[in-house]
Amino acid sequence: MEQPMALPGLERLMEVCQRLNLRLETSPPAREPLSAGSLLEGLPFDPVLASVYARLGHAAFATDLMGKGWSLDRSDDQVHKLEENNKSWRKNWWEELGASMIVFGGDIYTYATVPGLADEWGRQPVVRVDTYEPDAHVMPVASNVDRFFDSYSRYLEILVADSRYQKSGETELLFPWDAAEILARDETLVALMRAGRFDSLMKNVDDSTRRWAARVMGTQVSGSGG
């Protein structure tokens, strides 16, 4: 049996939730979780996600912060939400998005890996998908799943340190909008964005999202108004 890879980003996210007294819920994995490269709706399962599901059947991170936390779709011996959600996404969203994706969790919005952009080790970058807009709205957020966990943990630290949160428990800081500087540390993500690898997925984004992407890449947006 293949050994799961180290997941320092996941470890950090769990530690941050515990240290900052944010809700953290986990459950045991399936006896035979999905393996790296196995097919899910015809797509190769991401090796980082495979290592996550080798450790956890489900997880919820900071879900006591309304609209700020997120949950990992459950996949264990009793519940197969991960598989069911991907079946639904293949039917309802792949054609509109113009790319096949493996969705693995979310809250208001959905997080997914993009198999077509996998690196030489098979690791797939992560995007956030907003299906509430008239046209589905995609934002790249990490070069791989564990890097997403790491970035999210750093966002939570900034959120809890925000003066508005300190005073009232409320804050307007949102991921990934207010995490551009954090995401910019993900050099592989930045390189993919600069190379235009996400351009076809971001065809429906507005000027504010393009300005956000420019901040992540450290570039300028020309000719955009507002």
C-alpha atoms as a PDB file:
ATOM      1  CA  MET A   1       0.000   0.000   0.000  1.00  0.00           C
ATOM      2  CA  GLU A   2       1.326   3.421  -0.965  1.00  0.00           C
ATOM      3  CA  GLN A   3       2.345   5.596   1.977  1.00  0.00           C
ATOM      4  CA  PRO A   4       0.436   8.916   2.281  1.00  0.00           C
ATOM      5  CA  MET A   5       2.608  11.980   1.693  1.00  0.00           C
ATOM      6  CA  ALA A   6       3.396  14.502   4.401  1.00  0.00           C
ATOM      7  CA  LEU A   7       0.809  17.258   4.699  1.00  0.00           C
ATOM      8  CA  PRO A   8       2.405  20.209   6.539  1.00  0.00           C
ATOM      9  CA  GLY A   9      -0.296  22.587   5.307  1.00  0.00           C
ATOM     10  CA  LEU A  10      -3.073  20.433   6.717  1.00  0.00           C
ATOM     11  CA  GLU A  11      -1.169  20.059   9.988  1.00  0.00           C
ATOM     12  CA  ARG A  12      -0.770  23.823  10.181  1.00  0.00           C
ATOM     13  CA  LEU A  13      -4.448  24.476   9.459  1.00  0.00           C
ATOM     14  CA  MET A  14      -5.506  22.065  12.206  1.00  0.00           C
ATOM     15  CA  GLU A  15      -3.015  23.614  14.641  1.00  0.00           C
ATOM     16  CA  VAL A  16      -4.211  27.152  13.854  1.00  0.00           C
ATOM     17  CA  CYS A  17      -7.849  26.185  14.416  1.00  0.00           C
ATOM     18  CA  GLN A  18      -6.972  24.676  17.785  1.00  0.00           C
ATOM     19  CA  ARG A  19      -4.714  27.549  18.846  1.00  0.00           C
ATOM     20  CA  LEU A  20      -7.239  30.220  17.895  1.00  0.00           C
ATOM     21  CA  ASN A  21     -10.196  28.315  19.367  1.00  0.00           C
ATOM     22  CA  LEU A  22     -11.879  27.953  15.985  1.00  0.00           C
ATOM     23  CA  ARG A  23     -14.132  24.987  15.375  1.00  0.00           C
ATOM     24  CA  LEU A  24     -12.323  21.908  14.109  1.00  0.00           C
ATOM     25  CA  GLU A  25     -14.178  18.670  13.433  1.00  0.00           C
ATOM     26  CA  THR A  26     -12.675  15.526  11.945  1.00  0.00           C
ATOM     27  CA  SER A  27     -13.726  11.927  11.413  1.00  0.00           C
ATOM     28  CA  PRO A  28     -11.800   8.734  10.540  1.00  0.00           C
ATOM     29  CA  PRO A  29     -11.104   7.732   6.927  1.00  0.00           C
ATOM     30  CA  ALA A  30     -12.676   4.909   4.949  1.00  0.00           C
ATOM     31  CA  ARG A  31     -11.086   1.495   5.301  1.00  0.00           C
ATOM     32  CA  GLU A  32     -10.165   1.724   1.609  1.00  0.00           C
ATOM     33  CA  PRO A  33     -10.006   5.433   0.675  1.00  0.00           C
ATOM     34  CA  LEU A  34      -9.589   6.636  -2.891  1.00  0.00           C
ATOM     35  CA  SER A  35      -5.996   6.203  -4.020  1.00  0.00           C
ATOM     36  CA  ALA A  36      -3.813   8.581  -6.018  1.00  0.00           C
ATOM     37  CA  GLY A  37      -4.569   8.309  -9.707  1.00  0.00           C
ATOM     38  CA  SER A  38      -7.726   6.264  -9.247  1.00  0.00           C
ATOM     39  CA  LEU A  39     -10.581   7.527 -11.401  1.00  0.00           C
ATOM     40  CA  LEU A  40     -13.342   9.718 -10.001  1.00  0.00           C
ATOM     41  CA  GLU A  41     -15.908  10.517 -12.684  1.00  0.00           C
ATOM     42  CA  GLY A  42     -13.244   9.600 -15.220  1.00  0.00           C
ATOM     43  CA  LEU A  43     -10.603  11.930 -13.739  1.00  0.00           C
ATOM     44  CA  PRO A  44      -7.359  10.941 -11.984  1.00  0.00           C
ATOM     45  CA  PHE A  45      -7.696  11.553  -8.258  1.00  0.00           C
ATOM     46  CA  ASP A  46      -5.199  14.098  -6.985  1.00  0.00           C
ATOM     47  CA  PRO A  47      -2.352  12.495  -4.971  1.00  0.00           C
ATOM     48  CA  VAL A  48      -2.473  15.204  -2.299  1.00  0.00           C
ATOM     49  CA  LEU A  49      -6.224  14.730  -1.851  1.00  0.00           C
ATOM     50  CA  ALA A  50      -5.623  10.978  -1.698  1.00  0.00           C
ATOM     51  CA  SER A  51      -3.251  11.528   1.227  1.00  0.00           C
ATOM     52  CA  VAL A  52      -5.825  13.766   2.912  1.00  0.00           C
ATOM     53  CA  TYR A  53      -8.543  11.137   2.594  1.00  0.00           C
ATOM     54  CA  ALA A  54      -6.142   8.464   3.828  1.00  0.00           C
ATOM     55  CA  ARG A  55      -6.139  10.444   7.105  1.00  0.00           C
ATOM     56  CA  LEU A  56      -9.640  11.913   7.250  1.00  0.00           C
ATOM     57  CA  GLY A  57     -13.087  10.885   6.120  1.00  0.00           C
ATOM     58  CA  HIS A  58     -14.373  14.397   6.754  1.00  0.00           C
ATOM     59  CA  ALA A  59     -13.199  17.673   8.275  1.00  0.00           C
ATOM     60  CA  ALA A  60     -14.642  21.097   9.050  1.00  0.00           C
ATOM     61  CA  PHE A  61     -12.368  24.081   9.622  1.00  0.00           C
ATOM     62  CA  ALA A  62     -13.424  27.293  11.411  1.00  0.00           C
ATOM     63  CA  THR A  63     -17.078  26.774  10.475  1.00  0.00           C
ATOM     64  CA  ASP A  64     -18.111  28.805  13.544  1.00  0.00           C
ATOM     65  CA  LEU A  65     -16.978  31.875  11.555  1.00  0.00           C
ATOM     66  CA  MET A  66     -19.976  32.455   9.312  1.00  0.00           C
ATOM     67  CA  GLY A  67     -18.897  32.442   5.680  1.00  0.00           C
ATOM     68  CA  LYS A  68     -15.203  32.183   6.613  1.00  0.00           C
ATOM     69  CA  GLY A  69     -14.681  28.475   7.304  1.00  0.00           C
ATOM     70  CA  TRP A  70     -15.099  25.488   5.015  1.00  0.00           C
ATOM     71  CA  SER A  71     -15.660  21.729   5.096  1.00  0.00           C
ATOM     72  CA  LEU A  72     -14.010  18.799   3.355  1.00  0.00           C
ATOM     73  CA  ASP A  73     -16.606  16.656   1.581  1.00  0.00           C
ATOM     74  CA  ARG A  74     -17.165  13.429   3.477  1.00  0.00           C
ATOM     75  CA  SER A  75     -16.010  10.133   1.972  1.00  0.00           C
ATOM     76  CA  ASP A  76     -15.912   7.114   4.266  1.00  0.00           C
ATOM     77  CA  ASP A  77     -17.580   3.748   4.733  1.00  0.00           C
ATOM     78  CA  GLN A  78     -20.958   5.314   5.584  1.00  0.00           C
ATOM     79  CA  VAL A  79     -21.195   8.504   3.509  1.00  0.00           C
ATOM     80  CA  HIS A  80     -20.021   9.159  -0.065  1.00  0.00           C
ATOM     81  CA  LYS A  81     -20.643  12.882  -0.442  1.00  0.00           C
ATOM     82  CA  LEU A  82     -17.366  13.418  -2.320  1.00  0.00           C
ATOM     83  CA  GLU A  83     -18.366  10.912  -4.980  1.00  0.00           C
ATOM     84  CA  GLU A  84     -21.964  12.163  -5.178  1.00  0.00           C
ATOM     85  CA  ASN A  85     -20.933  15.812  -5.510  1.00  0.00           C
ATOM     86  CA  ASN A  86     -18.510  15.017  -8.312  1.00  0.00           C
ATOM     87  CA  LYS A  87     -21.149  13.087 -10.207  1.00  0.00           C
ATOM     88  CA  SER A  88     -23.430  16.131  -9.963  1.00  0.00           C
ATOM     89  CA  TRP A  89     -20.668  18.546 -11.016  1.00  0.00           C
ATOM     90  CA  ARG A  90     -19.802  16.467 -14.053  1.00  0.00           C
ATOM     91  CA  LYS A  91     -23.417  16.655 -15.171  1.00  0.00           C
ATOM     92  CA  ASN A  92     -24.146  20.286 -14.324  1.00  0.00           C
ATOM     93  CA  TRP A  93     -20.946  22.330 -14.478  1.00  0.00           C
ATOM     94  CA  TRP A  94     -18.109  20.852 -16.527  1.00  0.00           C
ATOM     95  CA  GLU A  95     -19.474  22.076 -19.848  1.00  0.00           C
ATOM     96  CA  GLU A  96     -20.193  25.584 -18.575  1.00  0.00           C
ATOM     97  CA  LEU A  97     -16.797  25.883 -16.892  1.00  0.00           C
ATOM     98  CA  GLY A  98     -15.000  24.570 -19.963  1.00  0.00           C
ATOM     99  CA  ALA A  99     -12.871  22.232 -17.844  1.00  0.00           C
ATOM    100  CA  SER A 100     -13.280  19.045 -15.849  1.00  0.00           C
ATOM    101  CA  MET A 101     -12.678  19.406 -12.106  1.00  0.00           C
ATOM    102  CA  ILE A 102     -12.666  17.347  -8.927  1.00  0.00           C
ATOM    103  CA  VAL A 103     -14.627  19.197  -6.244  1.00  0.00           C
ATOM    104  CA  PHE A 104     -13.573  18.390  -2.689  1.00  0.00           C
ATOM    105  CA  GLY A 105     -15.244  20.852  -0.332  1.00  0.00           C
ATOM    106  CA  GLY A 106     -16.384  24.343   0.430  1.00  0.00           C
ATOM    107  CA  ASP A 107     -18.995  26.367   2.265  1.00  0.00           C
ATOM    108  CA  ILE A 108     -20.781  29.096   0.322  1.00  0.00           C
ATOM    109  CA  TYR A 109     -18.412  28.475  -2.579  1.00  0.00           C
ATOM    110  CA  THR A 110     -16.764  25.312  -3.865  1.00  0.00           C
ATOM    111  CA  TYR A 111     -13.095  24.321  -3.973  1.00  0.00           C
ATOM    112  CA  ALA A 112     -11.856  22.013  -6.707  1.00  0.00           C
ATOM    113  CA  THR A 113      -8.688  20.635  -8.248  1.00  0.00           C
ATOM    114  CA  VAL A 114      -7.992  20.915 -11.981  1.00  0.00           C
ATOM    115  CA  PRO A 115      -6.541  17.638 -13.340  1.00  0.00           C
ATOM    116  CA  GLY A 116      -5.708  19.220 -16.705  1.00  0.00           C
ATOM    117  CA  LEU A 117      -3.165  21.477 -14.965  1.00  0.00           C
ATOM    118  CA  ALA A 118      -1.406  18.754 -12.934  1.00  0.00           C
ATOM    119  CA  ASP A 119       2.364  19.010 -12.476  1.00  0.00           C
ATOM    120  CA  GLU A 120       4.904  16.261 -13.204  1.00  0.00           C
ATOM    121  CA  TRP A 121       4.040  14.545  -9.906  1.00  0.00           C
ATOM    122  CA  GLY A 122       0.324  14.616 -10.659  1.00  0.00           C
ATOM    123  CA  ARG A 123      -0.434  17.333  -8.104  1.00  0.00           C
ATOM    124  CA  GLN A 124      -3.354  19.475  -9.219  1.00  0.00           C
ATOM    125  CA  PRO A 125      -3.825  23.201  -8.557  1.00  0.00           C
ATOM    126  CA  VAL A 126      -6.856  24.412  -6.607  1.00  0.00           C
ATOM    127  CA  VAL A 127      -9.532  26.875  -7.719  1.00  0.00           C
ATOM    128  CA  ARG A 128     -12.513  28.430  -5.986  1.00  0.00           C
ATOM    129  CA  VAL A 129     -15.727  28.289  -8.002  1.00  0.00           C
ATOM    130  CA  ASP A 130     -18.670  30.632  -7.462  1.00  0.00           C
ATOM    131  CA  THR A 131     -21.754  29.197  -9.162  1.00  0.00           C
ATOM    132  CA  TYR A 132     -24.060  31.916  -7.834  1.00  0.00           C
ATOM    133  CA  GLU A 133     -23.067  34.435 -10.494  1.00  0.00           C
ATOM    134  CA  PRO A 134     -24.919  34.459 -13.842  1.00  0.00           C
ATOM    135  CA  ASP A 135     -21.720  32.953 -15.270  1.00  0.00           C
ATOM    136  CA  ALA A 136     -19.643  30.644 -13.072  1.00  0.00           C
ATOM    137  CA  HIS A 137     -16.776  32.611 -11.553  1.00  0.00           C
ATOM    138  CA  VAL A 138     -13.392  30.883 -11.047  1.00  0.00           C
ATOM    139  CA  MET A 139     -10.409  32.090  -9.009  1.00  0.00           C
ATOM    140  CA  PRO A 140      -7.098  30.179  -8.699  1.00  0.00           C
ATOM    141  CA  VAL A 141      -6.060  29.868  -5.052  1.00  0.00           C
ATOM    142  CA  ALA A 142      -3.214  27.340  -4.710  1.00  0.00           C
ATOM    143  CA  SER A 143      -0.673  25.285  -6.632  1.00  0.00           C
ATOM    144  CA  ASN A 144      -1.814  22.153  -4.784  1.00  0.00           C
ATOM    145  CA  VAL A 145      -4.229  21.080  -2.059  1.00  0.00           C
ATOM    146  CA  ASP A 146      -1.761  21.180   0.834  1.00  0.00           C
ATOM    147  CA  ARG A 147      -0.585  24.636  -0.183  1.00  0.00           C
ATOM    148  CA  PHE A 148      -4.261  25.674  -0.102  1.00  0.00           C
ATOM    149  CA  PHE A 149      -4.481  24.443   3.507  1.00  0.00           C
ATOM    150  CA  ASP A 150      -1.368  26.444   4.393  1.00  0.00           C
ATOM    151  CA  SER A 151      -2.667  29.640   2.789  1.00  0.00           C
ATOM    152  CA  TYR A 152      -6.063  29.250   4.438  1.00  0.00           C
ATOM    153  CA  SER A 153      -4.437  28.831   7.846  1.00  0.00           C
ATOM    154  CA  ARG A 154      -2.536  32.106   7.356  1.00  0.00           C
ATOM    155  CA  TYR A 155      -5.730  33.858   6.286  1.00  0.00           C
ATOM    156  CA  LEU A 156      -7.428  32.677   9.502  1.00  0.00           C
ATOM    157  CA  GLU A 157      -4.558  34.109  11.560  1.00  0.00           C
ATOM    158  CA  ILE A 158      -4.959  37.516   9.894  1.00  0.00           C
ATOM    159  CA  LEU A 159      -8.735  37.374  10.272  1.00  0.00           C
ATOM    160  CA  VAL A 160      -8.605  36.690  14.019  1.00  0.00           C
ATOM    161  CA  ALA A 161      -5.965  39.398  14.504  1.00  0.00           C
ATOM    162  CA  ASP A 162      -8.146  41.984  12.730  1.00  0.00           C
ATOM    163  CA  SER A 163      -9.276  44.776  15.078  1.00  0.00           C
ATOM    164  CA  ARG A 164     -12.906  44.386  14.016  1.00  0.00           C
ATOM    165  CA  TYR A 165     -12.826  40.731  14.972  1.00  0.00           C
ATOM    166  CA  GLN A 166     -11.103  41.552  18.260  1.00  0.00           C
ATOM    167  CA  LYS A 167     -13.885  43.999  19.171  1.00  0.00           C
ATOM    168  CA  SER A 168     -17.022  42.212  17.995  1.00  0.00           C
ATOM    169  CA  GLY A 169     -16.112  38.804  16.578  1.00  0.00           C
ATOM    170  CA  GLU A 170     -17.039  40.115  13.131  1.00  0.00           C
ATOM    171  CA  THR A 171     -14.771  40.925  10.201  1.00  0.00           C
ATOM    172  CA  GLU A 172     -15.183  41.747   6.541  1.00  0.00           C
ATOM    173  CA  LEU A 173     -11.978  39.959   5.495  1.00  0.00           C
ATOM    174  CA  LEU A 174     -12.752  37.303   2.906  1.00  0.00           C
ATOM    175  CA  PHE A 175     -10.774  34.504   1.294  1.00  0.00           C
ATOM    176  CA  PRO A 176      -9.301  34.762  -1.280  1.00  0.00           C
ATOM    177  CA  TRP A 177     -10.114  38.447  -1.851  1.00  0.00           C
ATOM    178  CA  ASP A 178      -8.205  39.647   1.220  1.00  0.00           C
ATOM    179  CA  ALA A 179      -5.460  37.039   0.956  1.00  0.00           C
ATOM    180  CA  ALA A 180      -3.690  38.185  -2.225  1.00  0.00           C
ATOM    181  CA  GLU A 181      -0.396  38.766  -0.400  1.00  0.00           C
ATOM    182  CA  ILE A 182      -0.604  35.296   1.159  1.00  0.00           C
ATOM    183  CA  LEU A 183      -1.325  33.613  -2.171  1.00  0.00           C
ATOM    184  CA  ALA A 184       1.544  35.549  -3.762  1.00  0.00           C
ATOM    185  CA  ARG A 185       3.944  33.485  -1.627  1.00  0.00           C
ATOM    186  CA  ASP A 186       2.875  30.386  -3.567  1.00  0.00           C
ATOM    187  CA  GLU A 187       5.499  30.760  -6.298  1.00  0.00           C
ATOM    188  CA  THR A 188       4.194  27.875  -8.397  1.00  0.00           C
ATOM    189  CA  LEU A 189       0.679  29.335  -8.365  1.00  0.00           C
ATOM    190  CA  VAL A 190       2.025  32.728  -9.427  1.00  0.00           C
ATOM    191  CA  ALA A 191       4.024  31.127 -12.248  1.00  0.00           C
ATOM    192  CA  LEU A 192       0.925  29.286 -13.505  1.00  0.00           C
ATOM    193  CA  MET A 193      -1.119  32.492 -13.419  1.00  0.00           C
ATOM    194  CA  ARG A 194       1.555  34.519 -15.226  1.00  0.00           C
ATOM    195  CA  ALA A 195       1.805  31.795 -17.885  1.00  0.00           C
ATOM    196  CA  GLY A 196      -1.938  32.131 -18.516  1.00  0.00           C
ATOM    197  CA  ARG A 197      -2.742  28.577 -17.467  1.00  0.00           C
ATOM    198  CA  PHE A 198      -5.977  29.692 -15.742  1.00  0.00           C
ATOM    199  CA  ASP A 199      -7.064  32.200 -18.390  1.00  0.00           C
ATOM    200  CA  SER A 200      -9.700  29.976 -19.998  1.00  0.00           C
ATOM    201  CA  LEU A 201     -11.231  29.267 -16.586  1.00  0.00           C
ATOM    202  CA  MET A 202     -11.260  32.967 -15.669  1.00  0.00           C
ATOM    203  CA  LYS A 203     -13.015  34.092 -18.845  1.00  0.00           C
ATOM    204  CA  ASN A 204     -16.068  35.341 -16.918  1.00  0.00           C
ATOM    205  CA  VAL A 205     -14.342  37.313 -14.178  1.00  0.00           C
ATOM    206  CA  ASP A 206     -14.933  41.032 -13.679  1.00  0.00           C
ATOM    207  CA  ASP A 207     -12.448  43.883 -13.368  1.00  0.00           C
ATOM    208  CA  SER A 208     -12.224  43.605  -9.589  1.00  0.00           C
ATOM    209  CA  THR A 209     -11.161  39.972  -9.907  1.00  0.00           C
ATOM    210  CA  ARG A 210      -8.601  40.884 -12.548  1.00  0.00           C
ATOM    211  CA  ARG A 211      -7.169  43.500 -10.195  1.00  0.00           C
ATOM    212  CA  TRP A 212      -7.066  40.879  -7.442  1.00  0.00           C
ATOM    213  CA  ALA A 213      -5.212  38.477  -9.768  1.00  0.00           C
ATOM    214  CA  ALA A 214      -2.763  41.241 -10.653  1.00  0.00           C
ATOM    215  CA  ARG A 215      -2.007  41.743  -6.943  1.00  0.00           C
ATOM    216  CA  VAL A 216      -1.303  38.028  -6.570  1.00  0.00           C
ATOM    217  CA  MET A 217       1.008  38.086  -9.600  1.00  0.00           C
ATOM    218  CA  GLY A 218       2.606  41.412  -8.708  1.00  0.00           C
ATOM    219  CA  THR A 219       1.608  42.891 -12.049  1.00  0.00           C
ATOM    220  CA  GLN A 220      -0.471  45.822 -13.287  1.00  0.00           C
ATOM    221  CA  VAL A 221      -3.900  45.714 -14.918  1.00  0.00           C
ATOM    222  CA  SER A 222      -4.105  48.042 -17.893  1.00  0.00           C
ATOM    223  CA  GLY A 223      -7.220  49.401 -19.499  1.00  0.00           C
ATOM    224  CA  SER A 224      -9.688  48.295 -16.788  1.00  0.00           C
ATOM    225  CA  GLY A 225     -12.044  50.769 -15.279  1.00  0.00           C
ATOM    226  CA  GLY A 226     -13.926  51.032 -12.012  1.00  0.00           C
END
